[in-house]
C-alpha atoms as a PDB file:
ATOM      1  CA  MET A   1     -31.565  32.489 -26.204  1.00  0.00           C
ATOM      2  CA  THR A   2     -29.492  29.335 -26.365  1.00  0.00           C
ATOM      3  CA  LEU A   3     -25.834  30.296 -26.408  1.00  0.00           C
ATOM      4  CA  PHE A   4     -23.921  27.290 -25.104  1.00  0.00           C
ATOM      5  CA  ASP A   5     -24.769  23.842 -23.833  1.00  0.00           C
ATOM      6  CA  PRO A   6     -22.936  23.697 -20.486  1.00  0.00           C
ATOM      7  CA  PRO A   7     -24.112  26.585 -18.257  1.00  0.00           C
ATOM      8  CA  GLY A   8     -27.561  27.550 -17.114  1.00  0.00           C
ATOM      9  CA  PRO A   9     -30.100  26.415 -14.508  1.00  0.00           C
ATOM     10  CA  VAL A  10     -31.894  24.661 -17.376  1.00  0.00           C
ATOM     11  CA  SER A  11     -29.628  22.264 -19.254  1.00  0.00           C
ATOM     12  CA  GLY A  12     -28.459  23.715 -22.549  1.00  0.00           C
ATOM     13  CA  VAL A  13     -29.792  27.209 -21.892  1.00  0.00           C
ATOM     14  CA  CYS A  14     -27.999  30.374 -20.813  1.00  0.00           C
ATOM     15  CA  ASP A  15     -29.558  33.760 -21.521  1.00  0.00           C
ATOM     16  CA  ASP A  16     -26.871  35.669 -19.600  1.00  0.00           C
ATOM     17  CA  PRO A  17     -23.757  36.122 -21.778  1.00  0.00           C
ATOM     18  CA  GLU A  18     -21.625  37.486 -18.936  1.00  0.00           C
ATOM     19  CA  LEU A  19     -22.534  34.598 -16.666  1.00  0.00           C
ATOM     20  CA  MET A  20     -21.627  32.202 -19.473  1.00  0.00           C
ATOM     21  CA  VAL A  21     -18.204  33.838 -19.911  1.00  0.00           C
ATOM     22  CA  VAL A  22     -17.416  33.672 -16.173  1.00  0.00           C
ATOM     23  CA  TRP A  23     -18.694  30.087 -15.900  1.00  0.00           C
ATOM     24  CA  LYS A  24     -16.540  28.909 -18.795  1.00  0.00           C
ATOM     25  CA  HIS A  25     -13.477  30.704 -17.449  1.00  0.00           C
ATOM     26  CA  LEU A  26     -13.806  29.219 -13.960  1.00  0.00           C
ATOM     27  CA  MET A  27     -14.344  25.750 -15.390  1.00  0.00           C
ATOM     28  CA  SER A  28     -11.241  26.137 -17.551  1.00  0.00           C
ATOM     29  CA  LEU A  29      -9.209  27.058 -14.469  1.00  0.00           C
ATOM     30  CA  ASP A  30     -10.478  24.130 -12.398  1.00  0.00           C
ATOM     31  CA  PRO A  31     -12.389  21.582 -14.503  1.00  0.00           C
ATOM     32  CA  HIS A  32     -12.654  19.017 -11.699  1.00  0.00           C
ATOM     33  CA  GLY A  33     -13.082  21.429  -8.787  1.00  0.00           C
ATOM     34  CA  THR A  34      -9.994  20.057  -7.039  1.00  0.00           C
ATOM     35  CA  ARG A  35      -8.341  23.455  -6.558  1.00  0.00           C
ATOM     36  CA  PHE A  36     -11.575  24.978  -5.280  1.00  0.00           C
ATOM     37  CA  ALA A  37     -12.101  22.108  -2.829  1.00  0.00           C
ATOM     38  CA  ARG A  38      -8.543  22.417  -1.554  1.00  0.00           C
ATOM     39  CA  VAL A  39      -8.986  26.150  -0.896  1.00  0.00           C
ATOM     40  CA  LEU A  40     -12.111  25.424   1.143  1.00  0.00           C
ATOM     41  CA  ARG A  41     -10.397  22.638   3.093  1.00  0.00           C
ATOM     42  CA  ASP A  42      -7.381  24.834   3.825  1.00  0.00           C
ATOM     43  CA  THR A  43      -9.570  27.784   4.815  1.00  0.00           C
ATOM     44  CA  ILE A  44     -11.542  25.744   7.336  1.00  0.00           C
ATOM     45  CA  ASP A  45      -8.266  24.378   8.721  1.00  0.00           C
ATOM     46  CA  GLN A  46      -6.901  27.921   8.873  1.00  0.00           C
ATOM     47  CA  LEU A  47      -9.844  28.967  11.004  1.00  0.00           C
ATOM     48  CA  LEU A  48      -9.574  25.932  13.283  1.00  0.00           C
ATOM     49  CA  ASN A  49      -5.839  26.659  13.687  1.00  0.00           C
ATOM     50  CA  GLY A  50      -5.263  23.173  15.063  1.00  0.00           C
ATOM     51  CA  GLU A  51      -1.510  23.640  15.373  1.00  0.00           C
ATOM     52  CA  VAL A  52      -2.115  26.196  18.139  1.00  0.00           C
ATOM     53  CA  THR A  53      -5.550  25.295  19.480  1.00  0.00           C
ATOM     54  CA  GLY A  54      -5.905  21.540  18.889  1.00  0.00           C
ATOM     55  CA  ARG A  55      -9.413  22.195  17.494  1.00  0.00           C
ATOM     56  CA  TYR A  56     -10.922  20.040  14.748  1.00  0.00           C
ATOM     57  CA  ASP A  57     -14.649  20.887  15.014  1.00  0.00           C
ATOM     58  CA  TRP A  58     -16.357  23.885  13.379  1.00  0.00           C
ATOM     59  CA  SER A  59     -18.747  24.162  16.347  1.00  0.00           C
ATOM     60  CA  THR A  60     -15.827  25.081  18.631  1.00  0.00           C
ATOM     61  CA  LEU A  61     -15.056  28.257  16.663  1.00  0.00           C
ATOM     62  CA  PHE A  62     -15.905  31.593  18.225  1.00  0.00           C
ATOM     63  CA  LYS A  63     -18.750  33.529  16.641  1.00  0.00           C
ATOM     64  CA  THR A  64     -16.291  36.144  15.386  1.00  0.00           C
ATOM     65  CA  GLU A  65     -14.211  33.422  13.725  1.00  0.00           C
ATOM     66  CA  LYS A  66     -17.245  32.010  11.923  1.00  0.00           C
ATOM     67  CA  THR A  67     -18.151  35.515  10.759  1.00  0.00           C
ATOM     68  CA  HIS A  68     -14.617  35.906   9.384  1.00  0.00           C
ATOM     69  CA  ALA A  69     -14.896  32.692   7.339  1.00  0.00           C
ATOM     70  CA  GLY A  70     -16.511  34.404   4.366  1.00  0.00           C
ATOM     71  CA  THR A  71     -13.718  36.952   4.128  1.00  0.00           C
ATOM     72  CA  LEU A  72     -11.052  34.244   4.290  1.00  0.00           C
ATOM     73  CA  VAL A  73     -12.755  32.190   1.559  1.00  0.00           C
ATOM     74  CA  GLU A  74     -12.926  35.296  -0.621  1.00  0.00           C
ATOM     75  CA  ILE A  75      -9.236  36.122  -0.037  1.00  0.00           C
ATOM     76  CA  ASN A  76      -7.963  32.561  -0.465  1.00  0.00           C
ATOM     77  CA  LEU A  77      -9.898  32.009  -3.695  1.00  0.00           C
ATOM     78  CA  GLN A  78      -8.476  35.263  -5.061  1.00  0.00           C
ATOM     79  CA  ARG A  79      -4.945  34.140  -4.183  1.00  0.00           C
ATOM     80  CA  GLU A  80      -5.404  30.676  -5.671  1.00  0.00           C
ATOM     81  CA  PHE A  81      -6.898  31.810  -8.969  1.00  0.00           C
ATOM     82  CA  GLU A  82      -5.211  35.243  -9.130  1.00  0.00           C
ATOM     83  CA  PHE A  83      -8.444  37.144  -9.714  1.00  0.00           C
ATOM     84  CA  VAL A  84      -7.906  40.883 -10.052  1.00  0.00           C
ATOM     85  CA  ASP A  85      -9.822  43.222  -7.784  1.00  0.00           C
ATOM     86  CA  GLY A  86     -13.297  44.144  -8.961  1.00  0.00           C
ATOM     87  CA  VAL A  87     -14.485  47.668  -9.590  1.00  0.00           C
ATOM     88  CA  ASP A  88     -17.666  47.470  -7.524  1.00  0.00           C
ATOM     89  CA  MET A  89     -17.561  43.810  -6.449  1.00  0.00           C
ATOM     90  CA  ASP A  90     -14.861  41.516  -5.019  1.00  0.00           C
ATOM     91  CA  TYR A  91     -13.346  40.205  -8.250  1.00  0.00           C
ATOM     92  CA  ARG A  92     -13.057  41.072 -11.902  1.00  0.00           C
ATOM     93  CA  ILE A  93     -13.159  37.872 -13.959  1.00  0.00           C
ATOM     94  CA  GLU A  94     -12.718  38.187 -17.721  1.00  0.00           C
ATOM     95  CA  GLY A  95     -13.544  41.880 -17.331  1.00  0.00           C
ATOM     96  CA  ILE A  96     -16.776  41.167 -15.420  1.00  0.00           C
ATOM     97  CA  ASP A  97     -17.406  42.180 -11.809  1.00  0.00           C
ATOM     98  CA  VAL A  98     -18.230  39.200  -9.567  1.00  0.00           C
ATOM     99  CA  ASP A  99     -19.036  39.240  -5.852  1.00  0.00           C
ATOM    100  CA  CYS A 100     -18.102  36.263  -3.645  1.00  0.00           C
ATOM    101  CA  LYS A 101     -20.343  35.016  -0.852  1.00  0.00           C
ATOM    102  CA  TYR A 102     -19.690  32.020   1.387  1.00  0.00           C
ATOM    103  CA  SER A 103     -21.995  30.289   3.840  1.00  0.00           C
ATOM    104  CA  GLN A 104     -21.468  27.246   6.037  1.00  0.00           C
ATOM    105  CA  LYS A 105     -25.240  26.761   5.946  1.00  0.00           C
ATOM    106  CA  PHE A 106     -26.587  26.076   2.470  1.00  0.00           C
ATOM    107  CA  GLY A 107     -28.748  28.908   1.178  1.00  0.00           C
ATOM    108  CA  SER A 108     -27.722  31.439   3.841  1.00  0.00           C
ATOM    109  CA  TRP A 109     -25.550  33.620   1.645  1.00  0.00           C
ATOM    110  CA  MET A 110     -25.812  37.236   2.782  1.00  0.00           C
ATOM    111  CA  ILE A 111     -26.286  39.436  -0.290  1.00  0.00           C
ATOM    112  CA  PRO A 112     -25.640  43.188   0.108  1.00  0.00           C
ATOM    113  CA  PRO A 113     -27.971  45.652  -1.656  1.00  0.00           C
ATOM    114  CA  GLU A 114     -25.131  46.901  -3.857  1.00  0.00           C
ATOM    115  CA  ALA A 115     -24.807  43.438  -5.430  1.00  0.00           C
ATOM    116  CA  GLU A 116     -28.176  43.784  -7.164  1.00  0.00           C
ATOM    117  CA  GLY A 117     -27.690  43.393 -10.902  1.00  0.00           C
ATOM    118  CA  HIS A 118     -24.233  41.853 -10.486  1.00  0.00           C
ATOM    119  CA  LEU A 119     -23.032  38.266 -10.673  1.00  0.00           C
ATOM    120  CA  CYS A 120     -22.408  36.512  -7.365  1.00  0.00           C
ATOM    121  CA  LEU A 121     -20.219  33.469  -6.834  1.00  0.00           C
ATOM    122  CA  LEU A 122     -22.143  31.576  -4.137  1.00  0.00           C
ATOM    123  CA  VAL A 123     -20.023  29.098  -2.161  1.00  0.00           C
ATOM    124  CA  TRP A 124     -21.061  26.569   0.474  1.00  0.00           C
ATOM    125  CA  ALA A 125     -19.024  23.998   2.401  1.00  0.00           C
ATOM    126  CA  ASP A 126     -20.011  21.771   5.296  1.00  0.00           C
ATOM    127  CA  ASP A 127     -17.342  19.911   7.252  1.00  0.00           C
ATOM    128  CA  TYR A 128     -19.887  17.568   8.836  1.00  0.00           C
ATOM    129  CA  GLN A 129     -21.225  16.411   5.473  1.00  0.00           C
ATOM    130  CA  SER A 130     -17.833  16.680   3.716  1.00  0.00           C
ATOM    131  CA  ARG A 131     -19.628  18.387   0.821  1.00  0.00           C
ATOM    132  CA  TRP A 132     -19.336  21.712  -0.977  1.00  0.00           C
ATOM    133  CA  SER A 133     -20.957  23.626  -3.825  1.00  0.00           C
ATOM    134  CA  ALA A 134     -20.239  26.736  -5.871  1.00  0.00           C
ATOM    135  CA  GLY A 135     -22.467  28.452  -8.407  1.00  0.00           C
ATOM    136  CA  LEU A 136     -23.203  31.731 -10.150  1.00  0.00           C
ATOM    137  CA  LEU A 137     -26.315  33.847  -9.825  1.00  0.00           C
ATOM    138  CA  ARG A 138     -27.292  37.208 -11.334  1.00  0.00           C
ATOM    139  CA  ILE A 139     -28.793  39.016  -8.351  1.00  0.00           C
ATOM    140  CA  LYS A 140     -32.376  40.175  -8.881  1.00  0.00           C
ATOM    141  CA  ARG A 141     -34.324  41.820  -6.090  1.00  0.00           C
ATOM    142  CA  GLU A 142     -37.432  39.735  -6.678  1.00  0.00           C
ATOM    143  CA  TRP A 143     -35.423  36.549  -6.017  1.00  0.00           C
ATOM    144  CA  LEU A 144     -34.332  37.701  -2.560  1.00  0.00           C
ATOM    145  CA  ASN A 145     -35.823  37.664   0.906  1.00  0.00           C
ATOM    146  CA  GLY A 146     -36.274  41.119   2.416  1.00  0.00           C
ATOM    147  CA  GLY A 147     -33.278  42.537   4.260  1.00  0.00           C
ATOM    148  CA  THR A 148     -34.513  42.571   7.847  1.00  0.00           C
ATOM    149  CA  ASN A 149     -31.102  42.253   9.525  1.00  0.00           C
ATOM    150  CA  ARG A 150     -29.000  45.097  10.846  1.00  0.00           C
ATOM    151  CA  ASP A 151     -26.846  45.303   7.715  1.00  0.00           C
ATOM    152  CA  MET A 152     -29.857  45.219   5.368  1.00  0.00           C
ATOM    153  CA  LYS A 153     -28.468  42.129   3.646  1.00  0.00           C
ATOM    154  CA  PHE A 154     -30.659  39.678   1.760  1.00  0.00           C
ATOM    155  CA  THR A 155     -30.787  35.917   1.224  1.00  0.00           C
ATOM    156  CA  VAL A 156     -31.844  33.984  -1.871  1.00  0.00           C
ATOM    157  CA  LYS A 157     -35.412  32.724  -1.610  1.00  0.00           C
ATOM    158  CA  ALA A 158     -35.541  28.943  -1.448  1.00  0.00           C
ATOM    159  CA  GLU A 159     -37.874  28.772  -4.449  1.00  0.00           C
ATOM    160  CA  HIS A 160     -35.365  30.722  -6.545  1.00  0.00           C
ATOM    161  CA  ARG A 161     -32.242  28.718  -5.742  1.00  0.00           C
ATOM    162  CA  ASN A 162     -32.982  26.795  -8.915  1.00  0.00           C
ATOM    163  CA  LYS A 163     -31.844  29.926 -10.764  1.00  0.00           C
ATOM    164  CA  ILE A 164     -28.245  29.279  -9.630  1.00  0.00           C
ATOM    165  CA  THR A 165     -25.944  28.021 -12.389  1.00  0.00           C
ATOM    166  CA  TRP A 166     -23.785  25.479 -10.598  1.00  0.00           C
ATOM    167  CA  LEU A 167     -20.116  25.024 -11.313  1.00  0.00           C
ATOM    168  CA  TRP A 168     -19.950  22.155  -8.810  1.00  0.00           C
ATOM    169  CA  LYS A 169     -22.872  20.870  -6.750  1.00  0.00           C
ATOM    170  CA  ASP A 170     -22.566  18.669  -3.663  1.00  0.00           C
ATOM    171  CA  ALA A 171     -18.963  17.825  -4.524  1.00  0.00           C
ATOM    172  CA  ASP A 172     -16.647  15.964  -2.147  1.00  0.00           C
ATOM    173  CA  LEU A 173     -14.835  18.140   0.378  1.00  0.00           C
ATOM    174  CA  PRO A 174     -11.525  16.614   1.548  1.00  0.00           C
ATOM    175  CA  GLU A 175     -12.479  14.945   4.798  1.00  0.00           C
ATOM    176  CA  ASN A 176     -11.709  16.363   8.218  1.00  0.00           C
ATOM    177  CA  VAL A 177     -10.512  12.969   9.423  1.00  0.00           C
ATOM    178  CA  LEU A 178     -10.412  13.752  13.143  1.00  0.00           C
ATOM    179  CA  LEU A 179     -13.963  15.098  13.072  1.00  0.00           C
ATOM    180  CA  HIS A 180     -15.377  11.908  11.577  1.00  0.00           C
ATOM    181  CA  LEU A 181     -13.528   9.332  13.658  1.00  0.00           C
ATOM    182  CA  PRO A 182     -15.351   7.360  16.373  1.00  0.00           C
ATOM    183  CA  GLU A 183     -14.975   9.123  19.698  1.00  0.00           C
ATOM    184  CA  ALA A 184     -12.981   6.252  21.206  1.00  0.00           C
ATOM    185  CA  THR A 185     -10.486   6.257  18.322  1.00  0.00           C
ATOM    186  CA  ARG A 186     -10.127  10.031  18.420  1.00  0.00           C
ATOM    187  CA  ALA A 187      -9.438   9.921  22.163  1.00  0.00           C
ATOM    188  CA  LYS A 188      -6.590   7.448  21.603  1.00  0.00           C
ATOM    189  CA  ILE A 189      -5.016   9.839  19.106  1.00  0.00           C
ATOM    190  CA  LEU A 190      -5.472  13.153  20.893  1.00  0.00           C
ATOM    191  CA  ILE A 191      -3.369  12.278  23.922  1.00  0.00           C
ATOM    192  CA  PRO A 192      -3.604  15.180  26.388  1.00  0.00           C
ATOM    193  CA  GLY A 193      -0.569  16.991  27.683  1.00  0.00           C
ATOM    194  CA  LYS A 194       2.438  18.920  26.457  1.00  0.00           C
ATOM    195  CA  ASN A 195       5.239  17.352  24.405  1.00  0.00           C
ATOM    196  CA  LYS A 196       2.884  14.631  23.173  1.00  0.00           C
ATOM    197  CA  GLY A 197       2.899  15.708  19.524  1.00  0.00           C
ATOM    198  CA  GLN A 198       5.049  12.860  18.247  1.00  0.00           C
ATOM    199  CA  ALA A 199       3.000  10.288  20.159  1.00  0.00           C
ATOM    200  CA  ARG A 200      -0.253  11.714  18.759  1.00  0.00           C
ATOM    201  CA  VAL A 201       1.049  11.565  15.184  1.00  0.00           C
ATOM    202  CA  ARG A 202       2.176   7.955  15.648  1.00  0.00           C
ATOM    203  CA  GLU A 203      -1.274   7.023  16.975  1.00  0.00           C
ATOM    204  CA  LEU A 204      -2.944   8.807  14.086  1.00  0.00           C
ATOM    205  CA  PHE A 205      -1.172   6.631  11.516  1.00  0.00           C
ATOM    206  CA  ARG A 206      -1.374   3.505  13.656  1.00  0.00           C
ATOM    207  CA  LEU A 207      -5.163   3.732  13.868  1.00  0.00           C
ATOM    208  CA  VAL A 208      -6.316   5.423  10.626  1.00  0.00           C
ATOM    209  CA  HIS A 209      -5.671   3.360   7.510  1.00  0.00           C
ATOM    210  CA  GLY A 210      -6.852   3.442   3.914  1.00  0.00           C
ATOM    211  CA  LYS A 211      -8.009   7.057   3.783  1.00  0.00           C
ATOM    212  CA  PRO A 212      -6.299  10.341   2.834  1.00  0.00           C
ATOM    213  CA  ILE A 213      -4.968  12.287   5.814  1.00  0.00           C
ATOM    214  CA  GLY A 214      -4.257  15.922   5.052  1.00  0.00           C
ATOM    215  CA  ARG A 215      -1.587  18.168   6.493  1.00  0.00           C
ATOM    216  CA  GLY A 216      -4.209  19.939   8.584  1.00  0.00           C
ATOM    217  CA  VAL A 217      -4.937  16.703  10.453  1.00  0.00           C
ATOM    218  CA  VAL A 218      -1.241  16.076  11.093  1.00  0.00           C
ATOM    219  CA  ARG A 219      -0.811  19.694  12.193  1.00  0.00           C
ATOM    220  CA  THR A 220      -3.665  19.385  14.697  1.00  0.00           C
ATOM    221  CA  ALA A 221      -2.313  16.125  16.094  1.00  0.00           C
ATOM    222  CA  ALA A 222       1.270  17.376  16.390  1.00  0.00           C
ATOM    223  CA  GLN A 223       0.496  20.922  17.559  1.00  0.00           C
ATOM    224  CA  GLN A 224       4.051  21.803  16.592  1.00  0.00           C
ATOM    225  CA  VAL A 225       5.587  24.145  14.030  1.00  0.00           C
ATOM    226  CA  ASP A 226       7.652  21.320  12.503  1.00  0.00           C
ATOM    227  CA  TYR A 227       4.677  18.953  12.368  1.00  0.00           C
ATOM    228  CA  MET A 228       5.701  17.344   9.058  1.00  0.00           C
ATOM    229  CA  ALA A 229       8.947  16.149  10.633  1.00  0.00           C
ATOM    230  CA  ARG A 230       6.832  13.977  12.972  1.00  0.00           C
ATOM    231  CA  VAL A 231       5.997  11.773   9.953  1.00  0.00           C
ATOM    232  CA  ARG A 232       9.295  11.600   8.057  1.00  0.00           C
ATOM    233  CA  GLU A 233      12.200   9.201   8.304  1.00  0.00           C
ATOM    234  CA  GLY A 234      14.771  10.047  10.940  1.00  0.00           C
ATOM    235  CA  SER A 235      14.897   9.260  14.637  1.00  0.00           C
ATOM    236  CA  LYS A 236      13.224   6.008  15.634  1.00  0.00           C
ATOM    237  CA  GLY A 237      10.403   7.858  17.381  1.00  0.00           C
ATOM    238  CA  ARG A 238       9.059   9.401  14.164  1.00  0.00           C
ATOM    239  CA  ALA A 239       5.958   7.852  12.658  1.00  0.00           C
ATOM    240  CA  ARG A 240       7.445   6.085   9.615  1.00  0.00           C
ATOM    241  CA  PRO A 241      10.350   4.294  11.343  1.00  0.00           C
ATOM    242  CA  ALA A 242       8.343   3.661  14.528  1.00  0.00           C
ATOM    243  CA  LEU A 243       5.421   1.987  12.738  1.00  0.00           C
ATOM    244  CA  ARG A 244       7.383   0.058  10.110  1.00  0.00           C
ATOM    245  CA  PRO A 245       8.153  -2.876  12.480  1.00  0.00           C
ATOM    246  CA  HIS A 246       4.392  -3.241  12.943  1.00  0.00           C
ATOM    247  CA  GLY A 247       3.811  -3.538   9.187  1.00  0.00           C
ATOM    248  CA  ILE A 248       2.497   0.002   8.722  1.00  0.00           C
ATOM    249  CA  ILE A 249       3.639   2.172   5.825  1.00  0.00           C
ATOM    250  CA  ILE A 250       2.824   5.858   5.391  1.00  0.00           C
ATOM    251  CA  LEU A 251       2.575   6.870   1.747  1.00  0.00           C
ATOM    252  CA  GLY A 252       3.036  10.528   0.845  1.00  0.00           C
ATOM    253  CA  ASP A 253       2.504  12.600  -2.281  1.00  0.00           C
ATOM    254  CA  TYR A 254       5.814  11.589  -3.900  1.00  0.00           C
ATOM    255  CA  GLN A 255       5.443  10.033  -7.333  1.00  0.00           C
ATOM    256  CA  SER A 256       7.035   6.792  -6.129  1.00  0.00           C
ATOM    257  CA  HIS A 257       4.642   6.575  -3.183  1.00  0.00           C
ATOM    258  CA  GLN A 258       1.644   7.340  -5.396  1.00  0.00           C
ATOM    259  CA  ALA A 259       2.659   4.437  -7.643  1.00  0.00           C
ATOM    260  CA  VAL A 260       2.715   2.103  -4.634  1.00  0.00           C
ATOM    261  CA  ALA A 261      -0.681   3.448  -3.511  1.00  0.00           C
ATOM    262  CA  ARG A 262      -2.189   2.693  -6.914  1.00  0.00           C
ATOM    263  CA  ASP A 263      -0.722  -0.797  -6.987  1.00  0.00           C
ATOM    264  CA  LEU A 264      -2.161  -1.502  -3.532  1.00  0.00           C
ATOM    265  CA  GLY A 265      -5.592  -0.509  -4.821  1.00  0.00           C
ATOM    266  CA  GLY A 266      -6.248   2.197  -2.230  1.00  0.00           C
ATOM    267  CA  PRO A 267      -6.626   5.962  -2.411  1.00  0.00           C
ATOM    268  CA  VAL A 268      -3.715   7.847  -3.952  1.00  0.00           C
ATOM    269  CA  PRO A 269      -2.414  10.685  -1.759  1.00  0.00           C
ATOM    270  CA  ALA A 270      -2.747  14.075  -3.434  1.00  0.00           C
ATOM    271  CA  GLU A 271      -0.503  17.025  -2.699  1.00  0.00           C
ATOM    272  CA  GLY A 272      -0.103  17.443   1.048  1.00  0.00           C
ATOM    273  CA  GLU A 273      -1.791  14.124   1.887  1.00  0.00           C
ATOM    274  CA  PHE A 274      -0.755  10.807   3.419  1.00  0.00           C
ATOM    275  CA  VAL A 275      -2.327   7.345   3.275  1.00  0.00           C
ATOM    276  CA  ALA A 276      -1.334   4.642   5.772  1.00  0.00           C
ATOM    277  CA  HIS A 277      -1.768   0.877   5.339  1.00  0.00           C
ATOM    278  CA  ARG A 278      -0.797  -2.220   7.268  1.00  0.00           C
ATOM    279  CA  ILE A 279       0.743  -4.532   4.702  1.00  0.00           C
ATOM    280  CA  VAL A 280       1.968  -8.132   4.546  1.00  0.00           C
ATOM    281  CA  ARG A 281       3.930 -10.148   1.991  1.00  0.00           C
ATOM    282  CA  ALA A 282       1.745 -11.512  -0.793  1.00  0.00           C
ATOM    283  CA  ARG A 283       0.970 -15.201  -0.310  1.00  0.00           C
ATOM    284  CA  PRO A 284      -1.128 -17.645  -2.369  1.00  0.00           C
ATOM    285  CA  GLU A 285      -4.187 -16.952  -0.201  1.00  0.00           C
ATOM    286  CA  HIS A 286      -3.976 -13.309  -1.296  1.00  0.00           C
ATOM    287  CA  SER A 287      -4.639 -14.230  -4.919  1.00  0.00           C
ATOM    288  CA  GLY A 288      -6.793 -11.572  -6.545  1.00  0.00           C
ATOM    289  CA  LEU A 289      -5.752  -8.778  -4.194  1.00  0.00           C
ATOM    290  CA  PRO A 290      -3.897  -5.751  -5.614  1.00  0.00           C
ATOM    291  CA  GLN A 291      -0.145  -6.111  -5.088  1.00  0.00           C
ATOM    292  CA  ALA A 292       2.685  -3.595  -4.952  1.00  0.00           C
ATOM    293  CA  GLU A 293       6.375  -4.327  -5.331  1.00  0.00           C
ATOM    294  CA  ILE A 294       8.410  -2.653  -2.599  1.00  0.00           C
ATOM    295  CA  ASP A 295      12.097  -3.285  -2.107  1.00  0.00           C
ATOM    296  CA  GLY A 296      12.058  -6.335  -4.408  1.00  0.00           C
ATOM    297  CA  GLU A 297       9.089  -8.146  -2.836  1.00  0.00           C
ATOM    298  CA  PHE A 298       5.345  -8.057  -3.400  1.00  0.00           C
ATOM    299  CA  TRP A 299       2.988  -6.826  -0.702  1.00  0.00           C
ATOM    300  CA  VAL A 300      -0.757  -6.543  -0.162  1.00  0.00           C
ATOM    301  CA  VAL A 301      -2.927  -4.626   2.282  1.00  0.00           C
ATOM    302  CA  ALA A 302      -3.272  -6.864   5.333  1.00  0.00           C
ATOM    303  CA  GLN A 303      -6.555  -8.681   5.708  1.00  0.00           C
ATOM    304  CA  PRO A 304      -8.273  -9.523   9.015  1.00  0.00           C
ATOM    305  CA  GLY A 305      -6.353 -12.384  10.576  1.00  0.00           C
ATOM    306  CA  ASP A 306      -3.087 -11.724   8.741  1.00  0.00           C
ATOM    307  CA  PRO A 307      -0.244 -11.834  11.269  1.00  0.00           C
ATOM    308  CA  GLU A 308       1.810  -8.707  11.819  1.00  0.00           C
ATOM    309  CA  GLU A 309       5.152  -8.519  10.014  1.00  0.00           C
ATOM    310  CA  ALA A 310       7.662  -5.739   9.535  1.00  0.00           C
ATOM    311  CA  ALA A 311       7.084  -3.571   6.473  1.00  0.00           C
ATOM    312  CA  PRO A 312       9.844  -2.664   3.998  1.00  0.00           C
ATOM    313  CA  GLN A 313      11.456   0.730   3.558  1.00  0.00           C
ATOM    314  CA  LEU A 314       9.518   2.807   1.056  1.00  0.00           C
ATOM    315  CA  PRO A 315      11.262   4.045  -2.107  1.00  0.00           C
ATOM    316  CA  GLU A 316      12.925   7.439  -1.958  1.00  0.00           C
ATOM    317  CA  ALA A 317      10.956  10.508  -2.960  1.00  0.00           C
ATOM    318  CA  GLN A 318      11.631  10.424  -6.723  1.00  0.00           C
ATOM    319  CA  GLU A 319      13.119   6.952  -7.043  1.00  0.00           C
ATOM    320  CA  GLY A 320       9.933   5.169  -8.023  1.00  0.00           C
ATOM    321  CA  SER A 321       9.409   1.430  -7.971  1.00  0.00           C
ATOM    322  CA  ALA A 322      11.873   0.353 -10.641  1.00  0.00           C
ATOM    323  CA  LYS A 323      10.764  -3.224 -11.069  1.00  0.00           C
ATOM    324  CA  ALA A 324       7.098  -2.306 -10.795  1.00  0.00           C
ATOM    325  CA  ALA A 325       7.659   0.054 -13.703  1.00  0.00           C
ATOM    326  CA  GLN A 326       8.575  -3.015 -15.788  1.00  0.00           C
ATOM    327  CA  HIS A 327       6.339  -5.766 -14.477  1.00  0.00           C
ATOM    328  CA  ARG A 328       3.509  -6.354 -12.089  1.00  0.00           C
ATOM    329  CA  ARG A 329       3.193  -9.809 -10.584  1.00  0.00           C
ATOM    330  CA  ILE A 330       0.047 -11.496  -9.433  1.00  0.00           C
ATOM    331  CA  SER A 331      -0.136 -14.816  -7.660  1.00  0.00           C
ATOM    332  CA  LEU A 332      -2.586 -17.319  -9.066  1.00  0.00           C
ATOM    333  CA  ASP A 333      -3.008 -20.643  -7.263  1.00  0.00           C
ATOM    334  CA  GLY A 334       0.531 -20.350  -5.959  1.00  0.00           C
ATOM    335  CA  HIS A 335       2.111 -19.656  -9.387  1.00  0.00           C
ATOM    336  CA  ASP A 336       3.697 -16.396 -10.477  1.00  0.00           C
ATOM    337  CA  ALA A 337       2.420 -14.556 -13.522  1.00  0.00           C
ATOM    338  CA  PHE A 338       3.574 -11.272 -14.990  1.00  0.00           C
ATOM    339  CA  LEU A 339       1.494  -8.502 -16.439  1.00  0.00           C
ATOM    340  CA  PRO A 340       2.693  -5.280 -18.075  1.00  0.00           C
ATOM    341  CA  SER A 341       2.794  -2.419 -15.614  1.00  0.00           C
ATOM    342  CA  PRO A 342       0.948   0.799 -16.475  1.00  0.00           C
ATOM    343  CA  SER A 343       2.910   3.541 -18.176  1.00  0.00           C
ATOM    344  CA  GLN A 344       4.051   6.611 -16.263  1.00  0.00           C
ATOM    345  CA  GLU A 345       1.276   8.548 -18.015  1.00  0.00           C
ATOM    346  CA  GLN A 346      -1.265   6.066 -16.682  1.00  0.00           C
ATOM    347  CA  LEU A 347       0.240   6.249 -13.207  1.00  0.00           C
ATOM    348  CA  ARG A 348      -0.209  10.013 -13.235  1.00  0.00           C
ATOM    349  CA  ALA A 349      -3.780   9.821 -14.532  1.00  0.00           C
ATOM    350  CA  PRO A 350      -6.438  10.884 -12.003  1.00  0.00           C
ATOM    351  CA  GLN A 351      -8.230   8.015 -10.317  1.00  0.00           C
END
């Protein structure tokens, strides 16, 4: 029975009305999967507990911590989306009971016998691949491997995973930056010893440019309760004022900083993220490169061979780039030209 085009393992087909209702509701809550991805990123970081342990690698978790991951994912998703408690399963979504199962290994969801006949939200995330998936499946006994473990739990047979109706499949998981750095670079950042948090945060932003750096990464580097203060303006040892003389700016999730990030042509920091760049004043040889106006001058991301020069002070949190809101300049063969700047609505549009 064809009910709606979007859901269903086969495009355009869904013969499970309850699954269709839950699918549509979840997609309405998070059409791009950004909230879901953030919950998974934060949950993994919660388990790693880098602020206390300095850990950044899933493999360093204790077995009991890995076992607890599924429970934390279930709890954190419920908090984020405000699902009510289920009657027999974890959640009740649009009046329908839904169980939640997470696995760090794709396909290894542990299905309890009591879930048979119910909908399951199957979630997978892998920090090494920086990928995640979430889908819905009506549990049928014939689609499961026999429960041979101590808890009599089942797994979905590989040949029946095509029955899963995906909400998001192989989507991007916010990167665990420390995990994916070259070993030599990571060693320069993770300076051993006590009272090295500020130095580690400075090295993080000195060495990692042009990619989003989440709070969890900063927390792991700082290993301090007030880890965010290690980035902000203030004493000359903090990351922003310390790195500015070397041409390095650290853009945050303020609207004014996001506007600069867009104008520079790099990633735009989302909530709780930073993006660092080494920048230089725009010169004729930079013609064609994205330019951002900061403090009355135009700047570009430094290219190999560009000499180091001090960077300007970034605009205040909500100040914005006033002139950039009116005009954007590009340099063509040494001459100045002016183009209309995007509207505030365009600046806020997802990239």
